[in-house]
N, C-alpha and C. Protein backbone atom coordinates (compact mmCIF):
# COMPACT_ATOMS: atom_id res chain seq x y z
N MET A 1 -184.65 -36.38 -53.68
CA MET A 1 -184.01 -37.10 -54.75
C MET A 1 -185.06 -37.99 -55.41
N ARG A 2 -185.05 -38.03 -56.71
CA ARG A 2 -186.00 -38.86 -57.43
C ARG A 2 -185.62 -40.32 -57.31
N TRP A 3 -186.64 -41.21 -57.36
CA TRP A 3 -186.40 -42.64 -57.18
C TRP A 3 -185.47 -43.21 -58.23
N GLY A 4 -185.59 -42.75 -59.47
CA GLY A 4 -184.71 -43.26 -60.54
C GLY A 4 -183.25 -42.95 -60.27
N VAL A 5 -182.98 -41.73 -59.81
CA VAL A 5 -181.61 -41.33 -59.50
C VAL A 5 -181.10 -42.13 -58.31
N LEU A 6 -181.95 -42.29 -57.29
CA LEU A 6 -181.56 -43.07 -56.11
C LEU A 6 -181.25 -44.51 -56.49
N LEU A 7 -182.09 -45.12 -57.34
CA LEU A 7 -181.86 -46.48 -57.78
C LEU A 7 -180.54 -46.59 -58.53
N LEU A 8 -180.26 -45.62 -59.40
CA LEU A 8 -179.00 -45.62 -60.14
C LEU A 8 -177.82 -45.54 -59.17
N LEU A 9 -177.90 -44.67 -58.16
CA LEU A 9 -176.81 -44.55 -57.19
C LEU A 9 -176.61 -45.86 -56.44
N VAL A 10 -177.69 -46.52 -56.07
CA VAL A 10 -177.60 -47.78 -55.35
C VAL A 10 -176.98 -48.86 -56.24
N LEU A 11 -177.39 -48.91 -57.51
CA LEU A 11 -176.87 -49.92 -58.41
C LEU A 11 -175.41 -49.70 -58.75
N VAL A 12 -174.99 -48.44 -58.84
CA VAL A 12 -173.61 -48.14 -59.20
C VAL A 12 -172.68 -48.43 -58.02
N GLY A 13 -173.01 -47.95 -56.84
CA GLY A 13 -172.23 -48.22 -55.62
C GLY A 13 -170.82 -47.69 -55.70
N CYS A 14 -169.98 -48.23 -54.82
CA CYS A 14 -168.57 -47.85 -54.79
C CYS A 14 -167.90 -48.32 -56.06
N PRO A 15 -166.81 -47.66 -56.41
CA PRO A 15 -166.08 -48.10 -57.60
C PRO A 15 -165.58 -49.53 -57.41
N GLY A 16 -165.79 -50.35 -58.37
CA GLY A 16 -165.37 -51.74 -58.28
C GLY A 16 -164.27 -52.03 -59.27
N ALA A 17 -164.24 -53.25 -59.73
CA ALA A 17 -163.24 -53.66 -60.70
C ALA A 17 -163.44 -52.91 -62.01
N SER A 18 -162.36 -52.63 -62.67
CA SER A 18 -162.41 -51.95 -63.96
C SER A 18 -161.70 -52.84 -64.98
N ALA A 19 -161.53 -52.31 -66.18
CA ALA A 19 -160.83 -53.06 -67.22
C ALA A 19 -159.40 -53.36 -66.79
N GLN A 20 -158.84 -52.52 -65.93
CA GLN A 20 -157.46 -52.73 -65.48
C GLN A 20 -157.40 -53.67 -64.27
N GLY A 21 -158.51 -54.17 -63.80
CA GLY A 21 -158.54 -55.05 -62.64
C GLY A 21 -159.06 -54.31 -61.42
N PRO A 22 -159.08 -54.99 -60.28
CA PRO A 22 -159.63 -54.36 -59.08
C PRO A 22 -158.74 -53.23 -58.58
N PRO A 23 -159.35 -52.22 -57.96
CA PRO A 23 -158.55 -51.11 -57.44
C PRO A 23 -157.76 -51.55 -56.21
N ALA A 24 -156.71 -50.80 -55.90
CA ALA A 24 -155.94 -51.04 -54.68
C ALA A 24 -156.86 -50.79 -53.49
N PRO A 25 -156.60 -51.44 -52.34
CA PRO A 25 -157.49 -51.27 -51.17
C PRO A 25 -157.71 -49.81 -50.76
N ARG A 26 -156.67 -49.00 -50.72
CA ARG A 26 -156.83 -47.60 -50.32
C ARG A 26 -157.66 -46.86 -51.36
N GLU A 27 -157.42 -47.14 -52.62
CA GLU A 27 -158.17 -46.50 -53.70
C GLU A 27 -159.65 -46.88 -53.62
N TYR A 28 -159.91 -48.15 -53.33
CA TYR A 28 -161.30 -48.61 -53.20
C TYR A 28 -161.98 -47.91 -52.03
N ALA A 29 -161.29 -47.83 -50.89
CA ALA A 29 -161.85 -47.16 -49.71
C ALA A 29 -162.11 -45.69 -50.00
N ALA A 30 -161.17 -45.04 -50.69
CA ALA A 30 -161.35 -43.62 -51.03
C ALA A 30 -162.53 -43.44 -51.97
N GLY A 31 -162.72 -44.38 -52.90
CA GLY A 31 -163.87 -44.33 -53.80
C GLY A 31 -165.18 -44.50 -53.04
N CYS A 32 -165.19 -45.40 -52.08
CA CYS A 32 -166.38 -45.59 -51.26
C CYS A 32 -166.68 -44.33 -50.45
N ALA A 33 -165.63 -43.73 -49.88
CA ALA A 33 -165.80 -42.51 -49.10
C ALA A 33 -166.38 -41.40 -49.96
N GLU A 34 -165.86 -41.25 -51.16
CA GLU A 34 -166.36 -40.21 -52.06
C GLU A 34 -167.80 -40.48 -52.47
N TYR A 35 -168.10 -41.72 -52.81
CA TYR A 35 -169.45 -42.09 -53.22
C TYR A 35 -170.47 -41.81 -52.12
N TYR A 36 -170.21 -42.32 -50.91
CA TYR A 36 -171.18 -42.15 -49.83
C TYR A 36 -171.23 -40.72 -49.32
N ALA A 37 -170.13 -39.99 -49.41
CA ALA A 37 -170.16 -38.56 -49.06
C ALA A 37 -171.15 -37.85 -49.98
N HIS A 38 -171.12 -38.21 -51.25
CA HIS A 38 -172.05 -37.61 -52.23
C HIS A 38 -173.49 -38.03 -51.93
N VAL A 39 -173.70 -39.32 -51.70
CA VAL A 39 -175.05 -39.83 -51.44
C VAL A 39 -175.67 -39.16 -50.22
N TYR A 40 -174.90 -39.04 -49.14
CA TYR A 40 -175.44 -38.50 -47.89
C TYR A 40 -175.19 -36.99 -47.72
N ARG A 41 -174.58 -36.39 -48.73
CA ARG A 41 -174.33 -34.94 -48.73
C ARG A 41 -173.50 -34.50 -47.52
N VAL A 42 -172.42 -35.22 -47.31
CA VAL A 42 -171.45 -34.90 -46.26
C VAL A 42 -170.17 -34.50 -46.98
N PRO A 43 -169.51 -33.43 -46.57
CA PRO A 43 -168.27 -33.04 -47.26
C PRO A 43 -167.26 -34.19 -47.29
N ILE A 44 -166.76 -34.49 -48.48
CA ILE A 44 -165.79 -35.58 -48.62
C ILE A 44 -164.57 -35.32 -47.75
N GLU A 45 -164.20 -34.07 -47.61
CA GLU A 45 -163.03 -33.74 -46.78
C GLU A 45 -163.26 -34.13 -45.32
N LEU A 46 -164.49 -34.03 -44.86
CA LEU A 46 -164.81 -34.43 -43.49
C LEU A 46 -164.73 -35.94 -43.35
N VAL A 47 -165.30 -36.66 -44.30
CA VAL A 47 -165.26 -38.12 -44.26
C VAL A 47 -163.82 -38.61 -44.26
N GLU A 48 -163.02 -38.08 -45.17
CA GLU A 48 -161.61 -38.50 -45.25
C GLU A 48 -160.85 -38.13 -43.98
N SER A 49 -161.15 -36.99 -43.40
CA SER A 49 -160.49 -36.57 -42.16
C SER A 49 -160.83 -37.51 -41.01
N VAL A 50 -162.09 -37.91 -40.92
CA VAL A 50 -162.50 -38.85 -39.88
C VAL A 50 -161.76 -40.18 -40.06
N ILE A 51 -161.69 -40.66 -41.29
CA ILE A 51 -160.99 -41.92 -41.54
C ILE A 51 -159.51 -41.79 -41.20
N ASP A 52 -158.89 -40.66 -41.58
CA ASP A 52 -157.48 -40.42 -41.23
C ASP A 52 -157.27 -40.58 -39.73
N VAL A 53 -158.09 -39.89 -38.95
CA VAL A 53 -157.91 -39.84 -37.51
C VAL A 53 -158.34 -41.15 -36.84
N GLU A 54 -159.43 -41.72 -37.30
CA GLU A 54 -159.97 -42.92 -36.67
C GLU A 54 -159.10 -44.16 -36.89
N SER A 55 -158.70 -44.40 -38.14
CA SER A 55 -158.05 -45.68 -38.45
C SER A 55 -156.81 -45.56 -39.33
N ASN A 56 -156.50 -44.35 -39.77
CA ASN A 56 -155.42 -44.16 -40.73
C ASN A 56 -155.61 -45.07 -41.95
N TRP A 57 -156.86 -45.23 -42.36
CA TRP A 57 -157.26 -46.00 -43.53
C TRP A 57 -157.02 -47.50 -43.39
N ASN A 58 -157.00 -48.01 -42.17
CA ASN A 58 -156.84 -49.44 -41.92
C ASN A 58 -158.22 -50.07 -41.71
N PRO A 59 -158.71 -50.86 -42.68
CA PRO A 59 -160.05 -51.44 -42.54
C PRO A 59 -160.15 -52.48 -41.43
N TYR A 60 -159.01 -52.93 -40.92
CA TYR A 60 -159.01 -53.96 -39.86
C TYR A 60 -158.67 -53.38 -38.49
N ALA A 61 -158.69 -52.06 -38.37
CA ALA A 61 -158.38 -51.42 -37.09
C ALA A 61 -159.46 -51.77 -36.06
N VAL A 62 -159.01 -52.03 -34.84
CA VAL A 62 -159.90 -52.31 -33.71
C VAL A 62 -159.40 -51.49 -32.53
N SER A 63 -160.28 -50.70 -31.94
CA SER A 63 -159.89 -49.87 -30.80
C SER A 63 -160.02 -50.66 -29.51
N PRO A 64 -159.37 -50.20 -28.44
CA PRO A 64 -159.53 -50.86 -27.14
C PRO A 64 -160.99 -50.84 -26.64
N LYS A 65 -161.79 -49.89 -27.14
CA LYS A 65 -163.19 -49.79 -26.72
C LYS A 65 -164.13 -50.64 -27.57
N GLY A 66 -163.59 -51.26 -28.64
CA GLY A 66 -164.41 -52.14 -29.48
C GLY A 66 -164.89 -51.53 -30.77
N ALA A 67 -164.41 -50.33 -31.11
CA ALA A 67 -164.77 -49.73 -32.40
C ALA A 67 -163.95 -50.43 -33.49
N VAL A 68 -164.55 -50.57 -34.67
CA VAL A 68 -163.96 -51.40 -35.72
C VAL A 68 -164.00 -50.70 -37.07
N GLY A 69 -162.97 -50.96 -37.87
CA GLY A 69 -162.96 -50.59 -39.29
C GLY A 69 -162.47 -49.20 -39.56
N LEU A 70 -162.59 -48.82 -40.82
CA LEU A 70 -162.11 -47.51 -41.28
C LEU A 70 -162.67 -46.36 -40.46
N MET A 71 -163.98 -46.41 -40.21
CA MET A 71 -164.63 -45.30 -39.50
C MET A 71 -164.87 -45.62 -38.04
N GLN A 72 -164.28 -46.72 -37.57
CA GLN A 72 -164.30 -47.10 -36.15
C GLN A 72 -165.71 -47.08 -35.57
N LEU A 73 -166.56 -47.91 -36.13
CA LEU A 73 -167.94 -47.99 -35.67
C LEU A 73 -168.07 -48.90 -34.46
N MET A 74 -168.78 -48.43 -33.46
CA MET A 74 -169.12 -49.25 -32.30
C MET A 74 -170.26 -50.18 -32.69
N PRO A 75 -170.43 -51.30 -31.99
CA PRO A 75 -171.48 -52.25 -32.37
C PRO A 75 -172.89 -51.63 -32.43
N GLY A 76 -173.24 -50.82 -31.44
CA GLY A 76 -174.58 -50.22 -31.43
C GLY A 76 -174.81 -49.27 -32.59
N THR A 77 -173.80 -48.46 -32.90
CA THR A 77 -173.91 -47.52 -34.03
C THR A 77 -174.02 -48.30 -35.33
N ALA A 78 -173.19 -49.33 -35.48
CA ALA A 78 -173.24 -50.15 -36.69
C ALA A 78 -174.64 -50.76 -36.86
N PHE A 79 -175.17 -51.31 -35.80
CA PHE A 79 -176.51 -51.91 -35.86
C PHE A 79 -177.55 -50.86 -36.24
N GLU A 80 -177.48 -49.71 -35.60
CA GLU A 80 -178.46 -48.65 -35.85
C GLU A 80 -178.45 -48.17 -37.29
N PHE A 81 -177.28 -48.22 -37.94
CA PHE A 81 -177.18 -47.74 -39.32
C PHE A 81 -177.06 -48.88 -40.33
N GLY A 82 -177.47 -50.07 -39.92
CA GLY A 82 -177.59 -51.19 -40.85
C GLY A 82 -176.30 -51.80 -41.33
N VAL A 83 -175.23 -51.65 -40.58
CA VAL A 83 -173.95 -52.24 -40.97
C VAL A 83 -173.92 -53.69 -40.49
N ARG A 84 -173.75 -54.60 -41.43
CA ARG A 84 -173.72 -56.03 -41.09
C ARG A 84 -172.31 -56.50 -40.73
N ASN A 85 -171.31 -55.97 -41.43
CA ASN A 85 -169.93 -56.40 -41.22
C ASN A 85 -169.07 -55.15 -41.08
N ARG A 86 -168.67 -54.83 -39.88
CA ARG A 86 -167.90 -53.62 -39.64
C ARG A 86 -166.52 -53.65 -40.27
N PHE A 87 -166.02 -54.84 -40.62
CA PHE A 87 -164.71 -54.95 -41.26
C PHE A 87 -164.80 -54.80 -42.78
N GLN A 88 -166.00 -54.88 -43.33
CA GLN A 88 -166.17 -54.76 -44.78
C GLN A 88 -166.15 -53.28 -45.13
N VAL A 89 -165.23 -52.89 -46.01
CA VAL A 89 -164.97 -51.48 -46.31
C VAL A 89 -166.23 -50.72 -46.69
N GLU A 90 -166.95 -51.18 -47.70
CA GLU A 90 -168.11 -50.42 -48.17
C GLU A 90 -169.18 -50.31 -47.09
N ASP A 91 -169.44 -51.39 -46.38
CA ASP A 91 -170.45 -51.39 -45.33
C ASP A 91 -170.06 -50.43 -44.20
N ASN A 92 -168.80 -50.46 -43.81
CA ASN A 92 -168.32 -49.60 -42.73
C ASN A 92 -168.39 -48.13 -43.14
N VAL A 93 -167.94 -47.82 -44.33
CA VAL A 93 -167.96 -46.42 -44.79
C VAL A 93 -169.39 -45.93 -44.95
N ARG A 94 -170.25 -46.75 -45.53
CA ARG A 94 -171.65 -46.34 -45.68
C ARG A 94 -172.26 -46.02 -44.32
N GLY A 95 -172.08 -46.91 -43.36
CA GLY A 95 -172.63 -46.69 -42.03
C GLY A 95 -172.02 -45.47 -41.34
N GLY A 96 -170.73 -45.31 -41.47
CA GLY A 96 -170.06 -44.16 -40.85
C GLY A 96 -170.50 -42.83 -41.44
N VAL A 97 -170.64 -42.79 -42.75
CA VAL A 97 -171.06 -41.55 -43.41
C VAL A 97 -172.54 -41.27 -43.10
N ALA A 98 -173.35 -42.31 -43.06
CA ALA A 98 -174.76 -42.12 -42.69
C ALA A 98 -174.86 -41.57 -41.27
N TYR A 99 -174.02 -42.07 -40.37
CA TYR A 99 -174.00 -41.57 -38.99
C TYR A 99 -173.55 -40.12 -38.95
N LEU A 100 -172.52 -39.77 -39.71
CA LEU A 100 -172.08 -38.36 -39.78
C LEU A 100 -173.21 -37.47 -40.29
N ALA A 101 -173.90 -37.91 -41.33
CA ALA A 101 -175.00 -37.11 -41.89
C ALA A 101 -176.08 -36.89 -40.84
N TRP A 102 -176.40 -37.94 -40.10
CA TRP A 102 -177.41 -37.85 -39.04
C TRP A 102 -176.96 -36.88 -37.95
N LEU A 103 -175.70 -36.97 -37.56
CA LEU A 103 -175.16 -36.06 -36.53
C LEU A 103 -175.16 -34.61 -37.02
N ILE A 104 -174.84 -34.41 -38.28
CA ILE A 104 -174.83 -33.05 -38.84
C ILE A 104 -176.22 -32.45 -38.75
N GLN A 105 -177.23 -33.23 -39.05
CA GLN A 105 -178.61 -32.75 -38.91
C GLN A 105 -178.96 -32.51 -37.45
N LEU A 106 -178.62 -33.46 -36.60
CA LEU A 106 -178.94 -33.38 -35.19
C LEU A 106 -178.34 -32.12 -34.54
N PHE A 107 -177.11 -31.81 -34.90
CA PHE A 107 -176.41 -30.66 -34.30
C PHE A 107 -176.40 -29.44 -35.22
N ARG A 108 -177.31 -29.44 -36.17
CA ARG A 108 -177.52 -28.30 -37.06
C ARG A 108 -176.23 -27.76 -37.68
N GLY A 109 -175.37 -28.68 -38.10
CA GLY A 109 -174.16 -28.31 -38.82
C GLY A 109 -172.99 -27.87 -37.98
N ASP A 110 -173.11 -27.85 -36.65
CA ASP A 110 -171.99 -27.45 -35.80
C ASP A 110 -171.00 -28.62 -35.75
N LEU A 111 -169.94 -28.53 -36.55
CA LEU A 111 -169.02 -29.65 -36.68
C LEU A 111 -168.25 -29.94 -35.40
N ARG A 112 -168.11 -28.97 -34.51
CA ARG A 112 -167.46 -29.25 -33.22
C ARG A 112 -168.31 -30.25 -32.43
N LEU A 113 -169.62 -30.02 -32.40
CA LEU A 113 -170.51 -30.93 -31.70
C LEU A 113 -170.64 -32.27 -32.43
N VAL A 114 -170.66 -32.21 -33.74
CA VAL A 114 -170.74 -33.44 -34.54
C VAL A 114 -169.56 -34.34 -34.23
N MET A 115 -168.36 -33.77 -34.26
CA MET A 115 -167.18 -34.59 -34.03
C MET A 115 -167.07 -35.01 -32.57
N GLY A 116 -167.48 -34.15 -31.65
CA GLY A 116 -167.52 -34.55 -30.25
C GLY A 116 -168.46 -35.72 -30.05
N ALA A 117 -169.61 -35.67 -30.71
CA ALA A 117 -170.59 -36.75 -30.61
C ALA A 117 -170.07 -38.02 -31.28
N TYR A 118 -169.33 -37.87 -32.37
CA TYR A 118 -168.81 -39.04 -33.08
C TYR A 118 -167.87 -39.83 -32.17
N VAL A 119 -167.09 -39.13 -31.38
CA VAL A 119 -166.11 -39.82 -30.53
C VAL A 119 -166.65 -40.17 -29.14
N ALA A 120 -167.55 -39.34 -28.60
CA ALA A 120 -167.99 -39.53 -27.21
C ALA A 120 -169.45 -39.97 -27.09
N GLY A 121 -170.18 -39.93 -28.20
CA GLY A 121 -171.59 -40.30 -28.17
C GLY A 121 -172.49 -39.07 -28.19
N GLN A 122 -173.57 -39.18 -28.94
CA GLN A 122 -174.45 -38.01 -29.11
C GLN A 122 -175.15 -37.62 -27.82
N ASP A 123 -175.43 -38.56 -26.92
CA ASP A 123 -176.13 -38.21 -25.68
C ASP A 123 -175.32 -37.24 -24.83
N ARG A 124 -174.02 -37.45 -24.76
CA ARG A 124 -173.17 -36.53 -23.99
C ARG A 124 -173.19 -35.13 -24.59
N MET A 125 -173.13 -35.06 -25.90
CA MET A 125 -173.12 -33.74 -26.56
C MET A 125 -174.49 -33.09 -26.48
N LEU A 126 -175.56 -33.89 -26.57
CA LEU A 126 -176.90 -33.32 -26.47
C LEU A 126 -177.15 -32.74 -25.08
N SER A 127 -176.67 -33.42 -24.06
CA SER A 127 -176.95 -32.95 -22.70
C SER A 127 -176.05 -31.80 -22.26
N ARG A 128 -174.81 -31.77 -22.75
CA ARG A 128 -173.88 -30.75 -22.25
C ARG A 128 -173.34 -29.82 -23.33
N GLY A 129 -173.47 -30.20 -24.61
CA GLY A 129 -172.98 -29.37 -25.69
C GLY A 129 -171.49 -29.10 -25.57
N LEU A 130 -171.09 -27.90 -25.90
CA LEU A 130 -169.68 -27.54 -25.85
C LEU A 130 -169.14 -27.49 -24.42
N ALA A 131 -170.04 -27.54 -23.43
CA ALA A 131 -169.60 -27.57 -22.03
C ALA A 131 -169.06 -28.95 -21.66
N TYR A 132 -169.34 -29.98 -22.48
CA TYR A 132 -168.79 -31.30 -22.20
C TYR A 132 -167.28 -31.21 -22.37
N SER A 133 -166.55 -31.61 -21.36
CA SER A 133 -165.11 -31.45 -21.37
C SER A 133 -164.41 -32.77 -21.13
N SER A 134 -163.49 -33.07 -22.00
CA SER A 134 -162.66 -34.26 -21.87
C SER A 134 -161.44 -34.04 -22.75
N SER A 135 -160.28 -34.41 -22.25
CA SER A 135 -159.07 -34.23 -23.07
C SER A 135 -159.13 -35.09 -24.31
N GLU A 136 -159.73 -36.29 -24.21
CA GLU A 136 -159.86 -37.17 -25.37
C GLU A 136 -160.71 -36.51 -26.46
N VAL A 137 -161.83 -35.95 -26.07
CA VAL A 137 -162.73 -35.31 -27.04
C VAL A 137 -162.06 -34.08 -27.64
N TYR A 138 -161.44 -33.26 -26.80
CA TYR A 138 -160.76 -32.05 -27.29
C TYR A 138 -159.67 -32.41 -28.31
N GLU A 139 -158.86 -33.40 -27.98
CA GLU A 139 -157.78 -33.81 -28.87
C GLU A 139 -158.34 -34.37 -30.18
N TYR A 140 -159.38 -35.19 -30.08
CA TYR A 140 -159.99 -35.79 -31.27
C TYR A 140 -160.56 -34.71 -32.19
N VAL A 141 -161.37 -33.82 -31.62
CA VAL A 141 -161.99 -32.76 -32.42
C VAL A 141 -160.91 -31.89 -33.05
N SER A 142 -159.86 -31.58 -32.31
CA SER A 142 -158.76 -30.77 -32.84
C SER A 142 -158.06 -31.47 -34.00
N ASN A 143 -157.82 -32.77 -33.85
CA ASN A 143 -157.15 -33.52 -34.92
C ASN A 143 -158.00 -33.59 -36.18
N VAL A 144 -159.30 -33.87 -36.02
CA VAL A 144 -160.17 -33.92 -37.20
C VAL A 144 -160.26 -32.53 -37.84
N ALA A 145 -160.38 -31.49 -37.02
CA ALA A 145 -160.48 -30.12 -37.54
C ALA A 145 -159.22 -29.74 -38.32
N ARG A 146 -158.06 -30.13 -37.80
CA ARG A 146 -156.80 -29.83 -38.50
C ARG A 146 -156.77 -30.52 -39.87
N GLN A 147 -157.13 -31.81 -39.89
CA GLN A 147 -157.17 -32.54 -41.16
C GLN A 147 -158.19 -31.94 -42.12
N TYR A 148 -159.35 -31.60 -41.57
CA TYR A 148 -160.44 -31.05 -42.39
C TYR A 148 -160.02 -29.72 -43.02
N ARG A 149 -159.43 -28.84 -42.22
CA ARG A 149 -158.96 -27.54 -42.76
C ARG A 149 -157.93 -27.76 -43.86
N TRP A 150 -157.00 -28.67 -43.64
CA TRP A 150 -155.97 -28.94 -44.63
C TRP A 150 -156.60 -29.47 -45.92
N ARG A 151 -157.51 -30.42 -45.78
CA ARG A 151 -158.15 -31.00 -46.96
C ARG A 151 -159.00 -29.96 -47.70
N ARG A 152 -159.71 -29.12 -46.96
CA ARG A 152 -160.52 -28.06 -47.60
C ARG A 152 -159.61 -27.08 -48.34
N SER A 153 -158.48 -26.72 -47.76
CA SER A 153 -157.58 -25.79 -48.44
C SER A 153 -157.02 -26.43 -49.71
N GLU A 154 -156.73 -27.72 -49.65
CA GLU A 154 -156.27 -28.44 -50.86
C GLU A 154 -157.35 -28.43 -51.94
N THR A 155 -158.59 -28.65 -51.54
CA THR A 155 -159.70 -28.65 -52.49
C THR A 155 -159.85 -27.26 -53.11
N MET A 156 -159.75 -26.23 -52.29
CA MET A 156 -159.90 -24.85 -52.78
C MET A 156 -158.78 -24.48 -53.76
N ARG A 157 -157.59 -25.04 -53.53
CA ARG A 157 -156.46 -24.77 -54.43
C ARG A 157 -156.53 -25.64 -55.68
N GLY A 158 -157.48 -26.59 -55.68
CA GLY A 158 -157.62 -27.44 -56.85
C GLY A 158 -156.76 -28.68 -56.80
N GLY A 159 -156.13 -28.93 -55.65
CA GLY A 159 -155.30 -30.12 -55.48
C GLY A 159 -156.12 -31.28 -55.01
N LYS A 160 -155.50 -32.41 -54.99
CA LYS A 160 -156.12 -33.63 -54.47
C LYS A 160 -155.73 -33.79 -53.03
N SER A 161 -156.68 -34.30 -52.21
CA SER A 161 -156.34 -34.56 -50.81
C SER A 161 -155.74 -35.91 -50.63
């Protein structure tokens, strides 16, 4: 990507206030998801599916394990991807999508491993791959896959997800 285009993308950022006023929270989050999916070249349907399953679009969601925000970032992951405030929508989405992009590269596009790593940690998936077995991971990957397939089919039909 050329520096001028990258600078423009950084300056534009997520959709903000317009002539009609600020967007609704869900609309703002969806705009951030779309923007960062484009920046990091991650399918928007995957990003939205992860948010559906992780937090149901609740930016204040907190898991019993300490994951926070729309994309349920753990403290270490947030730190590694430069997220300063896990409750801040744009920061959380940017970090979550950057992490997904990194996992997609790490696992060479195998979305089963990517999603397994997203929920259980990349070290477990790197050491055991698809042989890693856990009902939590299986259920999570199945739920994201179901959402992703549905969203992809909507996109292919020309509908909105």
